Amino acid sequence: MPPVIWARVIPWDKEAAVAALESGVDTLWVPDGCAAAVRELGRVRAACAEGDLREGRDFRVTRMEGKEDEAAILSSPPETIWAVFPREREVIPLENLVAWRRKILVAARTPEEVTLYRGVLEKGVHGIVLSPYSPGRMRALAEAARTGAERVPLVEGRVTEISMLGIGDRACVDTCTLIEGSRGLLVGNSSAGLFLVCAENVPNPYVLPRPFRVNAGGIHSYCRLPGGRTAYLSELSSGSEVLIVDDAGGGETAHVGRVKVERRPLLLVRAKSSSGAVHSVILQNAETIRLVGPGGTTASVAKLAVGDAVLLAEEAAGRHFGVAVEETIREK
């Protein structure tokens, strides 16, 4: 799952708190007595003596200055949430705690520290406490915490077949995010191979750009969500979370504003990956639907040809209510 993100606004600074909220932070750690000031800003959790989260009851704090601090965390119940203030860029104690699956929220003062702590043991810490010294730095830290918070390894595949299927139901996923460049949703007929379908964010002679929209394909299709989960396109609705992915595999969580299901002409695209596996996706047969290739190139399905390169996310097939499982399963 994406990391939990708190913002520490101590001493209280209304401008910094507003910057945190506008950057998507939903928990403000503030001085005791400031819960009311937090609630005036919107629906957001306050961490303080009279707040929604209270030190000693809902979380604990340590400065991580010695081995005894690490031992205190390891000796506490695994579900205990710890806010940790490490020595500058010291990661070995954090690696130990992540290896033991402890829920630690690590204070970060720079975007570089955010990236460092998010990559501990390739899993990342449970969460980040943004600890800036100005509203501007708050926005920069929040951006670093969101960008690439989840990565999906992508491989190159070559198109082997393009077939017309006739009329069927397809889903347009309209998000609450402006999707720029060669970013979009990972969609496919099987969870074993998902194609990167680009947002409708470029002009064309037929319709205006819809940079918030991904015309994602047949309603039966799998779609990648945050945390490595999947959902059928037919299951998405207002408020659902989806994972927006770029051509380098960097992911960003976006929320669905609506899903439009309409009957449209469809086509089937098959591609063979470098591993030798063959994957497929069913998309609307229209000029505005584009698949992403290596380097961020995009090709409209109306002009796609056998041999063209596309990007795929591969994994072992097998899902139970959207969660990867190990079992005997074949998807064709």
C-alpha atoms as a PDB file:
ATOM      1  CA  MET A   1       0.000   0.000   0.000  1.00  0.00           C
ATOM      2  CA  PRO A   2       1.102   3.628  -0.445  1.00  0.00           C
ATOM      3  CA  PRO A   3       2.849   5.041   2.632  1.00  0.00           C
ATOM      4  CA  VAL A   4       0.889   6.810   5.360  1.00  0.00           C
ATOM      5  CA  ILE A   5       1.686  10.533   5.265  1.00  0.00           C
ATOM      6  CA  TRP A   6       1.517  12.838   8.272  1.00  0.00           C
ATOM      7  CA  ALA A   7       2.597  16.472   8.470  1.00  0.00           C
ATOM      8  CA  ARG A   8       4.204  17.777  11.654  1.00  0.00           C
ATOM      9  CA  VAL A   9       3.254  21.417  12.216  1.00  0.00           C
ATOM     10  CA  ILE A  10       4.995  22.178  15.512  1.00  0.00           C
ATOM     11  CA  PRO A  11       5.035  25.047  16.320  1.00  0.00           C
ATOM     12  CA  TRP A  12       1.604  25.757  14.845  1.00  0.00           C
ATOM     13  CA  ASP A  13       1.718  27.487  11.473  1.00  0.00           C
ATOM     14  CA  LYS A  14      -1.613  27.897   9.714  1.00  0.00           C
ATOM     15  CA  GLU A  15      -0.009  28.448   6.294  1.00  0.00           C
ATOM     16  CA  ALA A  16       2.048  25.269   6.620  1.00  0.00           C
ATOM     17  CA  ALA A  17      -1.051  23.348   7.723  1.00  0.00           C
ATOM     18  CA  VAL A  18      -3.001  24.625   4.710  1.00  0.00           C
ATOM     19  CA  ALA A  19      -0.102  23.675   2.418  1.00  0.00           C
ATOM     20  CA  ALA A  20      -0.177  20.168   3.875  1.00  0.00           C
ATOM     21  CA  LEU A  21      -3.920  19.791   3.363  1.00  0.00           C
ATOM     22  CA  GLU A  22      -3.753  21.135  -0.192  1.00  0.00           C
ATOM     23  CA  SER A  23      -1.011  18.567  -0.855  1.00  0.00           C
ATOM     24  CA  GLY A  24      -3.217  15.663   0.204  1.00  0.00           C
ATOM     25  CA  VAL A  25      -2.064  15.092   3.790  1.00  0.00           C
ATOM     26  CA  ASP A  26      -4.916  13.853   5.987  1.00  0.00           C
ATOM     27  CA  THR A  27      -3.233  13.876   9.418  1.00  0.00           C
ATOM     28  CA  LEU A  28      -1.699  16.940  11.064  1.00  0.00           C
ATOM     29  CA  TRP A  29       0.557  16.480  14.101  1.00  0.00           C
ATOM     30  CA  VAL A  30       0.161  19.754  15.965  1.00  0.00           C
ATOM     31  CA  PRO A  31       0.840  21.264  19.417  1.00  0.00           C
ATOM     32  CA  ASP A  32      -1.578  20.388  22.217  1.00  0.00           C
ATOM     33  CA  GLY A  33      -4.530  22.743  22.172  1.00  0.00           C
ATOM     34  CA  CYS A  34      -4.587  23.166  18.373  1.00  0.00           C
ATOM     35  CA  ALA A  35      -7.157  20.497  17.440  1.00  0.00           C
ATOM     36  CA  ALA A  36      -9.895  23.092  17.009  1.00  0.00           C
ATOM     37  CA  ALA A  37      -7.686  25.148  14.699  1.00  0.00           C
ATOM     38  CA  VAL A  38      -7.053  22.043  12.607  1.00  0.00           C
ATOM     39  CA  ARG A  39     -10.747  21.232  12.290  1.00  0.00           C
ATOM     40  CA  GLU A  40     -11.468  24.748  11.083  1.00  0.00           C
ATOM     41  CA  LEU A  41      -9.382  23.944   8.000  1.00  0.00           C
ATOM     42  CA  GLY A  42     -11.409  20.920   6.921  1.00  0.00           C
ATOM     43  CA  ARG A  43     -12.022  17.242   7.586  1.00  0.00           C
ATOM     44  CA  VAL A  44      -8.579  16.203   8.746  1.00  0.00           C
ATOM     45  CA  ARG A  45      -7.259  14.175  11.671  1.00  0.00           C
ATOM     46  CA  ALA A  46      -5.353  15.984  14.398  1.00  0.00           C
ATOM     47  CA  ALA A  47      -2.603  14.303  16.401  1.00  0.00           C
ATOM     48  CA  CYS A  48      -2.330  16.040  19.770  1.00  0.00           C
ATOM     49  CA  ALA A  49      -3.494  15.675  23.374  1.00  0.00           C
ATOM     50  CA  GLU A  50      -7.155  16.442  22.564  1.00  0.00           C
ATOM     51  CA  GLY A  51      -7.047  15.256  18.959  1.00  0.00           C
ATOM     52  CA  ASP A  52      -8.161  12.169  17.064  1.00  0.00           C
ATOM     53  CA  LEU A  53      -4.744  10.544  17.568  1.00  0.00           C
ATOM     54  CA  ARG A  54      -2.968  10.849  20.904  1.00  0.00           C
ATOM     55  CA  GLU A  55       0.611  10.109  21.811  1.00  0.00           C
ATOM     56  CA  GLY A  56       0.799   7.183  24.212  1.00  0.00           C
ATOM     57  CA  ARG A  57      -2.626   5.907  23.234  1.00  0.00           C
ATOM     58  CA  ASP A  58      -2.569   5.764  19.434  1.00  0.00           C
ATOM     59  CA  PHE A  59       1.136   6.171  18.689  1.00  0.00           C
ATOM     60  CA  ARG A  60       4.499   6.435  20.401  1.00  0.00           C
ATOM     61  CA  VAL A  61       7.519   8.616  19.688  1.00  0.00           C
ATOM     62  CA  THR A  62      11.250   7.929  19.796  1.00  0.00           C
ATOM     63  CA  ARG A  63      14.356   9.831  18.766  1.00  0.00           C
ATOM     64  CA  MET A  64      16.199   6.650  17.662  1.00  0.00           C
ATOM     65  CA  GLU A  65      19.457   7.740  19.301  1.00  0.00           C
ATOM     66  CA  GLY A  66      20.729   4.314  20.306  1.00  0.00           C
ATOM     67  CA  LYS A  67      20.249   0.569  20.233  1.00  0.00           C
ATOM     68  CA  GLU A  68      17.895   0.792  23.185  1.00  0.00           C
ATOM     69  CA  ASP A  69      15.392   2.810  21.099  1.00  0.00           C
ATOM     70  CA  GLU A  70      15.378   0.146  18.402  1.00  0.00           C
ATOM     71  CA  ALA A  71      14.928  -2.517  21.094  1.00  0.00           C
ATOM     72  CA  ALA A  72      11.947  -0.639  22.556  1.00  0.00           C
ATOM     73  CA  ILE A  73      10.179  -0.698  19.217  1.00  0.00           C
ATOM     74  CA  LEU A  74      10.935  -4.382  18.620  1.00  0.00           C
ATOM     75  CA  SER A  75       9.675  -5.302  22.081  1.00  0.00           C
ATOM     76  CA  SER A  76       6.355  -3.496  21.591  1.00  0.00           C
ATOM     77  CA  PRO A  77       3.290  -5.172  20.015  1.00  0.00           C
ATOM     78  CA  PRO A  78       3.660  -5.393  16.198  1.00  0.00           C
ATOM     79  CA  GLU A  79       0.575  -3.240  15.595  1.00  0.00           C
ATOM     80  CA  THR A  80       2.019  -0.308  17.603  1.00  0.00           C
ATOM     81  CA  ILE A  81       2.589   2.808  15.499  1.00  0.00           C
ATOM     82  CA  TRP A  82       5.870   4.591  16.169  1.00  0.00           C
ATOM     83  CA  ALA A  83       6.864   8.071  15.024  1.00  0.00           C
ATOM     84  CA  VAL A  84      10.634   7.903  14.618  1.00  0.00           C
ATOM     85  CA  PHE A  85      13.134  10.763  14.431  1.00  0.00           C
ATOM     86  CA  PRO A  86      16.309   9.079  13.136  1.00  0.00           C
ATOM     87  CA  ARG A  87      19.802  10.461  13.043  1.00  0.00           C
ATOM     88  CA  GLU A  88      20.523  12.157   9.750  1.00  0.00           C
ATOM     89  CA  ARG A  89      20.143   9.621   6.920  1.00  0.00           C
ATOM     90  CA  GLU A  90      20.756   6.680   9.245  1.00  0.00           C
ATOM     91  CA  VAL A  91      18.980   3.692   7.686  1.00  0.00           C
ATOM     92  CA  ILE A  92      20.342   0.494   9.265  1.00  0.00           C
ATOM     93  CA  PRO A  93      18.034   0.667  12.335  1.00  0.00           C
ATOM     94  CA  LEU A  94      15.128   1.415   9.997  1.00  0.00           C
ATOM     95  CA  GLU A  95      16.004  -1.609   7.862  1.00  0.00           C
ATOM     96  CA  ASN A  96      15.925  -3.777  10.965  1.00  0.00           C
ATOM     97  CA  LEU A  97      12.504  -2.459  11.928  1.00  0.00           C
ATOM     98  CA  VAL A  98      11.072  -2.827   8.421  1.00  0.00           C
ATOM     99  CA  ALA A  99      12.438  -6.388   8.262  1.00  0.00           C
ATOM    100  CA  TRP A 100      10.484  -7.148  11.431  1.00  0.00           C
ATOM    101  CA  ARG A 101       7.396  -5.477   9.920  1.00  0.00           C
ATOM    102  CA  ARG A 102       7.116  -2.748  12.518  1.00  0.00           C
ATOM    103  CA  LYS A 103       4.820   0.201  11.766  1.00  0.00           C
ATOM    104  CA  ILE A 104       7.181   3.162  11.794  1.00  0.00           C
ATOM    105  CA  LEU A 105       6.471   6.682  10.566  1.00  0.00           C
ATOM    106  CA  VAL A 106       9.823   8.343   9.895  1.00  0.00           C
ATOM    107  CA  ALA A 107      10.335  12.095  10.081  1.00  0.00           C
ATOM    108  CA  ALA A 108      11.758  13.550   6.842  1.00  0.00           C
ATOM    109  CA  ARG A 109      12.993  17.109   6.349  1.00  0.00           C
ATOM    110  CA  THR A 110      14.028  17.012   2.686  1.00  0.00           C
ATOM    111  CA  PRO A 111      12.705  15.359  -0.515  1.00  0.00           C
ATOM    112  CA  GLU A 112      15.902  13.281  -0.581  1.00  0.00           C
ATOM    113  CA  GLU A 113      15.120  11.869   2.865  1.00  0.00           C
ATOM    114  CA  VAL A 114      11.573  11.064   1.765  1.00  0.00           C
ATOM    115  CA  THR A 115      12.961   9.050  -1.158  1.00  0.00           C
ATOM    116  CA  LEU A 116      15.540   7.356   1.070  1.00  0.00           C
ATOM    117  CA  TYR A 117      13.066   6.224   3.729  1.00  0.00           C
ATOM    118  CA  ARG A 118      10.467   5.185   1.174  1.00  0.00           C
ATOM    119  CA  GLY A 119      12.964   2.772  -0.369  1.00  0.00           C
ATOM    120  CA  VAL A 120      14.175   1.016   2.786  1.00  0.00           C
ATOM    121  CA  LEU A 121      14.630  -2.692   1.954  1.00  0.00           C
ATOM    122  CA  GLU A 122      12.733  -2.027  -1.298  1.00  0.00           C
ATOM    123  CA  LYS A 123       9.533  -2.063   0.785  1.00  0.00           C
ATOM    124  CA  GLY A 124       9.691   1.326   2.440  1.00  0.00           C
ATOM    125  CA  VAL A 125       8.643   2.357   5.903  1.00  0.00           C
ATOM    126  CA  HIS A 126       4.989   2.301   6.975  1.00  0.00           C
ATOM    127  CA  GLY A 127       4.748   6.061   6.659  1.00  0.00           C
ATOM    128  CA  ILE A 128       6.443   9.431   6.448  1.00  0.00           C
ATOM    129  CA  VAL A 129       6.138  12.395   8.817  1.00  0.00           C
ATOM    130  CA  LEU A 130       6.730  15.550   6.781  1.00  0.00           C
ATOM    131  CA  SER A 131       8.785  17.918   8.927  1.00  0.00           C
ATOM    132  CA  PRO A 132       9.511  21.041   6.856  1.00  0.00           C
ATOM    133  CA  TYR A 133      10.422  24.522   7.959  1.00  0.00           C
ATOM    134  CA  SER A 134       8.149  26.494   5.601  1.00  0.00           C
ATOM    135  CA  PRO A 135       4.880  26.111   3.657  1.00  0.00           C
ATOM    136  CA  GLY A 136       6.838  25.895   0.403  1.00  0.00           C
ATOM    137  CA  ARG A 137       8.975  23.054   1.732  1.00  0.00           C
ATOM    138  CA  MET A 138       5.808  21.339   2.945  1.00  0.00           C
ATOM    139  CA  ARG A 139       4.511  21.204  -0.632  1.00  0.00           C
ATOM    140  CA  ALA A 140       7.858  19.934  -1.919  1.00  0.00           C
ATOM    141  CA  LEU A 141       7.977  17.155   0.684  1.00  0.00           C
ATOM    142  CA  ALA A 142       4.391  16.132  -0.021  1.00  0.00           C
ATOM    143  CA  GLU A 143       5.122  15.985  -3.752  1.00  0.00           C
ATOM    144  CA  ALA A 144       8.150  13.762  -3.100  1.00  0.00           C
ATOM    145  CA  ALA A 145       6.049  11.499  -0.877  1.00  0.00           C
ATOM    146  CA  ARG A 146       3.373  11.093  -3.560  1.00  0.00           C
ATOM    147  CA  THR A 147       5.525  10.822  -6.683  1.00  0.00           C
ATOM    148  CA  GLY A 148       6.640   7.304  -7.426  1.00  0.00           C
ATOM    149  CA  ALA A 149       5.331   6.129  -4.073  1.00  0.00           C
ATOM    150  CA  GLU A 150       4.628   2.847  -5.810  1.00  0.00           C
ATOM    151  CA  ARG A 151       6.622   1.357  -8.653  1.00  0.00           C
ATOM    152  CA  VAL A 152       5.493  -1.293 -11.122  1.00  0.00           C
ATOM    153  CA  PRO A 153       8.195  -3.082 -13.146  1.00  0.00           C
ATOM    154  CA  LEU A 154       7.382  -2.795 -16.853  1.00  0.00           C
ATOM    155  CA  VAL A 155       8.674  -4.951 -19.694  1.00  0.00           C
ATOM    156  CA  GLU A 156       8.594  -4.568 -23.459  1.00  0.00           C
ATOM    157  CA  GLY A 157       6.241  -6.633 -25.558  1.00  0.00           C
ATOM    158  CA  ARG A 158       5.669  -6.909 -29.307  1.00  0.00           C
ATOM    159  CA  VAL A 159       2.191  -6.855 -30.829  1.00  0.00           C
ATOM    160  CA  THR A 160       1.388 -10.212 -32.462  1.00  0.00           C
ATOM    161  CA  GLU A 161      -2.311  -9.799 -33.288  1.00  0.00           C
ATOM    162  CA  ILE A 162      -4.973  -7.124 -33.731  1.00  0.00           C
ATOM    163  CA  SER A 163      -8.518  -8.436 -34.273  1.00  0.00           C
ATOM    164  CA  MET A 164     -11.920  -6.737 -34.586  1.00  0.00           C
ATOM    165  CA  LEU A 165     -14.513  -8.053 -32.133  1.00  0.00           C
ATOM    166  CA  GLY A 166     -17.684  -6.104 -32.832  1.00  0.00           C
ATOM    167  CA  ILE A 167     -19.842  -4.325 -30.250  1.00  0.00           C
ATOM    168  CA  GLY A 168     -19.371  -4.646 -26.493  1.00  0.00           C
ATOM    169  CA  ASP A 169     -19.410  -2.676 -23.246  1.00  0.00           C
ATOM    170  CA  ARG A 170     -16.316  -0.633 -22.459  1.00  0.00           C
ATOM    171  CA  ALA A 171     -15.472   1.604 -19.515  1.00  0.00           C
ATOM    172  CA  CYS A 172     -14.064   5.132 -19.522  1.00  0.00           C
ATOM    173  CA  VAL A 173     -12.457   5.844 -16.144  1.00  0.00           C
ATOM    174  CA  ASP A 174     -12.690   9.562 -15.335  1.00  0.00           C
ATOM    175  CA  THR A 175     -10.318  10.432 -12.497  1.00  0.00           C
ATOM    176  CA  CYS A 176      -9.968  13.484 -10.270  1.00  0.00           C
ATOM    177  CA  THR A 177      -6.405  13.922 -11.576  1.00  0.00           C
ATOM    178  CA  LEU A 178      -5.031  15.636 -14.671  1.00  0.00           C
ATOM    179  CA  ILE A 179      -3.004  12.864 -16.293  1.00  0.00           C
ATOM    180  CA  GLU A 180      -0.130  14.320 -18.291  1.00  0.00           C
ATOM    181  CA  GLY A 181       2.292  12.788 -20.776  1.00  0.00           C
ATOM    182  CA  SER A 182       2.442   9.045 -21.401  1.00  0.00           C
ATOM    183  CA  ARG A 183       0.705   8.058 -18.173  1.00  0.00           C
ATOM    184  CA  GLY A 184      -2.381   5.960 -17.776  1.00  0.00           C
ATOM    185  CA  LEU A 185      -3.873   2.775 -16.345  1.00  0.00           C
ATOM    186  CA  LEU A 186      -2.577  -0.786 -16.445  1.00  0.00           C
ATOM    187  CA  VAL A 187      -5.348  -2.915 -17.948  1.00  0.00           C
ATOM    188  CA  GLY A 188      -5.578  -6.435 -19.341  1.00  0.00           C
ATOM    189  CA  ASN A 189      -7.619  -9.584 -19.859  1.00  0.00           C
ATOM    190  CA  SER A 190      -5.453 -11.385 -17.288  1.00  0.00           C
ATOM    191  CA  SER A 191      -3.690 -10.171 -14.178  1.00  0.00           C
ATOM    192  CA  ALA A 192      -0.595 -11.904 -15.568  1.00  0.00           C
ATOM    193  CA  GLY A 193      -0.139  -9.186 -18.188  1.00  0.00           C
ATOM    194  CA  LEU A 194      -1.463  -5.637 -18.042  1.00  0.00           C
ATOM    195  CA  PHE A 195      -1.041  -3.092 -20.870  1.00  0.00           C
ATOM    196  CA  LEU A 196      -0.307   0.576 -20.169  1.00  0.00           C
ATOM    197  CA  VAL A 197      -3.268   2.460 -21.701  1.00  0.00           C
ATOM    198  CA  CYS A 198      -2.625   6.197 -22.011  1.00  0.00           C
ATOM    199  CA  ALA A 199      -5.011   8.941 -20.920  1.00  0.00           C
ATOM    200  CA  GLU A 200      -6.925  10.868 -23.593  1.00  0.00           C
ATOM    201  CA  ASN A 201      -4.711  13.918 -23.127  1.00  0.00           C
ATOM    202  CA  VAL A 202      -3.666  14.884 -26.675  1.00  0.00           C
ATOM    203  CA  PRO A 203      -5.634  16.864 -29.289  1.00  0.00           C
ATOM    204  CA  ASN A 204      -7.153  15.033 -32.239  1.00  0.00           C
ATOM    205  CA  PRO A 205      -9.492  16.053 -35.088  1.00  0.00           C
ATOM    206  CA  TYR A 206     -12.542  14.367 -33.533  1.00  0.00           C
ATOM    207  CA  VAL A 207     -12.873  15.343 -29.855  1.00  0.00           C
ATOM    208  CA  LEU A 208     -11.247  17.680 -27.357  1.00  0.00           C
ATOM    209  CA  PRO A 209      -8.658  16.183 -24.990  1.00  0.00           C
ATOM    210  CA  ARG A 210      -9.935  14.684 -21.760  1.00  0.00           C
ATOM    211  CA  PRO A 211      -6.730  14.645 -19.662  1.00  0.00           C
ATOM    212  CA  PHE A 212      -8.532  13.186 -16.656  1.00  0.00           C
ATOM    213  CA  ARG A 213      -9.850  10.189 -18.630  1.00  0.00           C
ATOM    214  CA  VAL A 214      -8.558   6.754 -19.563  1.00  0.00           C
ATOM    215  CA  ASN A 215     -10.712   4.874 -22.067  1.00  0.00           C
ATOM    216  CA  ALA A 216      -9.648   1.648 -20.405  1.00  0.00           C
ATOM    217  CA  GLY A 217     -11.414  -1.116 -22.326  1.00  0.00           C
ATOM    218  CA  GLY A 218     -13.828  -3.985 -21.806  1.00  0.00           C
ATOM    219  CA  ILE A 219     -15.674  -3.944 -18.505  1.00  0.00           C
ATOM    220  CA  HIS A 220     -14.384  -7.447 -17.651  1.00  0.00           C
ATOM    221  CA  SER A 221     -10.763  -6.232 -17.687  1.00  0.00           C
ATOM    222  CA  TYR A 222      -8.417  -6.186 -14.730  1.00  0.00           C
ATOM    223  CA  CYS A 223      -7.130  -2.750 -13.668  1.00  0.00           C
ATOM    224  CA  ARG A 224      -4.162  -2.202 -11.346  1.00  0.00           C
ATOM    225  CA  LEU A 225      -4.909  -0.450  -8.055  1.00  0.00           C
ATOM    226  CA  PRO A 226      -2.545   0.879  -5.368  1.00  0.00           C
ATOM    227  CA  GLY A 227      -0.865  -1.712  -3.183  1.00  0.00           C
ATOM    228  CA  GLY A 228      -0.539  -4.327  -5.904  1.00  0.00           C
ATOM    229  CA  ARG A 229      -4.263  -5.035  -5.933  1.00  0.00           C
ATOM    230  CA  THR A 230      -6.530  -5.245  -8.968  1.00  0.00           C
ATOM    231  CA  ALA A 231     -10.213  -4.698  -9.662  1.00  0.00           C
ATOM    232  CA  TYR A 232     -12.473  -5.352 -12.622  1.00  0.00           C
ATOM    233  CA  LEU A 233     -13.289  -2.164 -14.497  1.00  0.00           C
ATOM    234  CA  SER A 234     -16.947  -2.959 -13.832  1.00  0.00           C
ATOM    235  CA  GLU A 235     -16.278  -2.669 -10.081  1.00  0.00           C
ATOM    236  CA  LEU A 236     -14.873   0.868 -10.167  1.00  0.00           C
ATOM    237  CA  SER A 237     -17.116   3.746  -9.099  1.00  0.00           C
ATOM    238  CA  SER A 238     -16.910   7.275  -7.684  1.00  0.00           C
ATOM    239  CA  GLY A 239     -14.347   7.350  -4.893  1.00  0.00           C
ATOM    240  CA  SER A 240     -12.473   4.208  -5.967  1.00  0.00           C
ATOM    241  CA  GLU A 241      -8.670   4.385  -6.027  1.00  0.00           C
ATOM    242  CA  VAL A 242      -6.694   3.509  -9.152  1.00  0.00           C
ATOM    243  CA  LEU A 243      -2.965   3.571  -9.888  1.00  0.00           C
ATOM    244  CA  ILE A 244      -1.769   6.012 -12.552  1.00  0.00           C
ATOM    245  CA  VAL A 245       1.507   4.710 -14.016  1.00  0.00           C
ATOM    246  CA  ASP A 246       4.142   6.328 -16.250  1.00  0.00           C
ATOM    247  CA  ASP A 247       6.421   4.659 -18.794  1.00  0.00           C
ATOM    248  CA  ALA A 248       9.143   4.221 -16.140  1.00  0.00           C
ATOM    249  CA  GLY A 249       6.739   2.341 -13.849  1.00  0.00           C
ATOM    250  CA  GLY A 250       6.274   5.158 -11.347  1.00  0.00           C
ATOM    251  CA  GLY A 251       2.820   5.072  -9.786  1.00  0.00           C
ATOM    252  CA  GLU A 252       0.507   7.688  -8.307  1.00  0.00           C
ATOM    253  CA  THR A 253      -2.803   7.061  -6.594  1.00  0.00           C
ATOM    254  CA  ALA A 254      -5.789   8.780  -8.207  1.00  0.00           C
ATOM    255  CA  HIS A 255      -9.445   8.779  -7.229  1.00  0.00           C
ATOM    256  CA  VAL A 256     -12.231   7.947  -9.634  1.00  0.00           C
ATOM    257  CA  GLY A 257     -14.781  10.668 -10.269  1.00  0.00           C
ATOM    258  CA  ARG A 258     -17.047   8.501 -12.403  1.00  0.00           C
ATOM    259  CA  VAL A 259     -17.008   5.503 -14.718  1.00  0.00           C
ATOM    260  CA  LYS A 260     -18.850   5.677 -18.046  1.00  0.00           C
ATOM    261  CA  VAL A 261     -19.907   2.339 -19.534  1.00  0.00           C
ATOM    262  CA  GLU A 262     -21.101   2.515 -23.156  1.00  0.00           C
ATOM    263  CA  ARG A 263     -21.532   0.076 -26.027  1.00  0.00           C
ATOM    264  CA  ARG A 264     -18.803   0.604 -28.590  1.00  0.00           C
ATOM    265  CA  PRO A 265     -16.896  -1.366 -31.260  1.00  0.00           C
ATOM    266  CA  LEU A 266     -14.054  -3.324 -29.679  1.00  0.00           C
ATOM    267  CA  LEU A 267     -10.792  -4.871 -30.771  1.00  0.00           C
ATOM    268  CA  LEU A 268      -8.406  -7.435 -29.302  1.00  0.00           C
ATOM    269  CA  VAL A 269      -4.678  -6.771 -29.037  1.00  0.00           C
ATOM    270  CA  ARG A 270      -2.221  -9.552 -28.246  1.00  0.00           C
ATOM    271  CA  ALA A 271       1.458  -9.012 -27.442  1.00  0.00           C
ATOM    272  CA  LYS A 272       4.365 -11.311 -26.660  1.00  0.00           C
ATOM    273  CA  SER A 273       6.710 -10.172 -23.913  1.00  0.00           C
ATOM    274  CA  SER A 274      10.454 -10.662 -23.674  1.00  0.00           C
ATOM    275  CA  SER A 275       9.753 -13.589 -21.324  1.00  0.00           C
ATOM    276  CA  GLY A 276       7.875 -15.353 -24.113  1.00  0.00           C
ATOM    277  CA  ALA A 277       4.453 -14.991 -22.474  1.00  0.00           C
ATOM    278  CA  VAL A 278       1.520 -13.831 -24.592  1.00  0.00           C
ATOM    279  CA  HIS A 279      -0.908 -11.302 -23.105  1.00  0.00           C
ATOM    280  CA  SER A 280      -4.046  -9.606 -24.408  1.00  0.00           C
ATOM    281  CA  VAL A 281      -6.321  -6.635 -23.853  1.00  0.00           C
ATOM    282  CA  ILE A 282      -9.681  -5.611 -25.313  1.00  0.00           C
ATOM    283  CA  LEU A 283     -10.041  -1.915 -26.113  1.00  0.00           C
ATOM    284  CA  GLN A 284     -12.469   0.340 -27.921  1.00  0.00           C
ATOM    285  CA  ASN A 285     -11.691   0.623 -31.621  1.00  0.00           C
ATOM    286  CA  ALA A 286     -11.150   4.393 -31.758  1.00  0.00           C
ATOM    287  CA  GLU A 287      -8.414   6.853 -32.680  1.00  0.00           C
ATOM    288  CA  THR A 288      -8.240   8.350 -29.173  1.00  0.00           C
ATOM    289  CA  ILE A 289      -7.170   5.130 -27.411  1.00  0.00           C
ATOM    290  CA  ARG A 290      -3.388   4.819 -27.248  1.00  0.00           C
ATOM    291  CA  LEU A 291      -1.009   2.187 -25.898  1.00  0.00           C
ATOM    292  CA  VAL A 292       2.284   3.300 -24.344  1.00  0.00           C
ATOM    293  CA  GLY A 293       5.559   1.956 -25.677  1.00  0.00           C
ATOM    294  CA  PRO A 294       9.203   2.147 -24.529  1.00  0.00           C
ATOM    295  CA  GLY A 295      10.464   5.671 -23.928  1.00  0.00           C
ATOM    296  CA  GLY A 296       6.955   7.020 -23.508  1.00  0.00           C
ATOM    297  CA  THR A 297       5.986   6.710 -27.171  1.00  0.00           C
ATOM    298  CA  THR A 298       2.281   6.193 -27.779  1.00  0.00           C
ATOM    299  CA  ALA A 299       0.418   4.540 -30.633  1.00  0.00           C
ATOM    300  CA  SER A 300      -3.280   4.846 -31.398  1.00  0.00           C
ATOM    301  CA  VAL A 301      -4.984   1.467 -31.660  1.00  0.00           C
ATOM    302  CA  ALA A 302      -6.364   2.683 -34.992  1.00  0.00           C
ATOM    303  CA  LYS A 303      -2.804   2.735 -36.370  1.00  0.00           C
ATOM    304  CA  LEU A 304      -1.253  -0.029 -34.251  1.00  0.00           C
ATOM    305  CA  ALA A 305       0.564  -2.699 -36.272  1.00  0.00           C
ATOM    306  CA  VAL A 306       1.932  -6.182 -35.656  1.00  0.00           C
ATOM    307  CA  GLY A 307       5.497  -5.813 -34.434  1.00  0.00           C
ATOM    308  CA  ASP A 308       4.941  -2.528 -32.613  1.00  0.00           C
ATOM    309  CA  ALA A 309       6.434  -2.331 -29.102  1.00  0.00           C
ATOM    310  CA  VAL A 310       4.176  -1.847 -26.049  1.00  0.00           C
ATOM    311  CA  LEU A 311       4.776  -1.763 -22.306  1.00  0.00           C
ATOM    312  CA  LEU A 312       3.438  -4.524 -20.047  1.00  0.00           C
ATOM    313  CA  ALA A 313       3.303  -5.261 -16.348  1.00  0.00           C
ATOM    314  CA  GLU A 314       3.846  -8.989 -15.834  1.00  0.00           C
ATOM    315  CA  GLU A 315       3.248 -11.186 -12.800  1.00  0.00           C
ATOM    316  CA  ALA A 316       2.084 -14.683 -11.980  1.00  0.00           C
ATOM    317  CA  ALA A 317      -1.640 -15.061 -12.689  1.00  0.00           C
ATOM    318  CA  GLY A 318      -3.996 -15.674  -9.782  1.00  0.00           C
ATOM    319  CA  ARG A 319      -6.235 -13.260  -7.901  1.00  0.00           C
ATOM    320  CA  HIS A 320      -8.740 -13.648  -5.090  1.00  0.00           C
ATOM    321  CA  PHE A 321     -10.918 -10.543  -4.733  1.00  0.00           C
ATOM    322  CA  GLY A 322      -8.145  -8.495  -6.317  1.00  0.00           C
ATOM    323  CA  VAL A 323      -5.311  -9.804  -4.143  1.00  0.00           C
ATOM    324  CA  ALA A 324      -2.536 -11.899  -5.674  1.00  0.00           C
ATOM    325  CA  VAL A 325      -2.629 -15.529  -4.513  1.00  0.00           C
ATOM    326  CA  GLU A 326      -0.588 -18.621  -5.242  1.00  0.00           C
ATOM    327  CA  GLU A 327      -2.867 -21.261  -6.690  1.00  0.00           C
ATOM    328  CA  THR A 328      -3.352 -23.320  -9.801  1.00  0.00           C
ATOM    329  CA  ILE A 329      -5.141 -21.065 -12.268  1.00  0.00           C
ATOM    330  CA  ARG A 330      -5.211 -20.534 -16.011  1.00  0.00           C
ATOM    331  CA  GLU A 331      -6.500 -17.410 -17.698  1.00  0.00           C
ATOM    332  CA  LYS A 332      -6.843 -17.480 -21.495  1.00  0.00           C
END
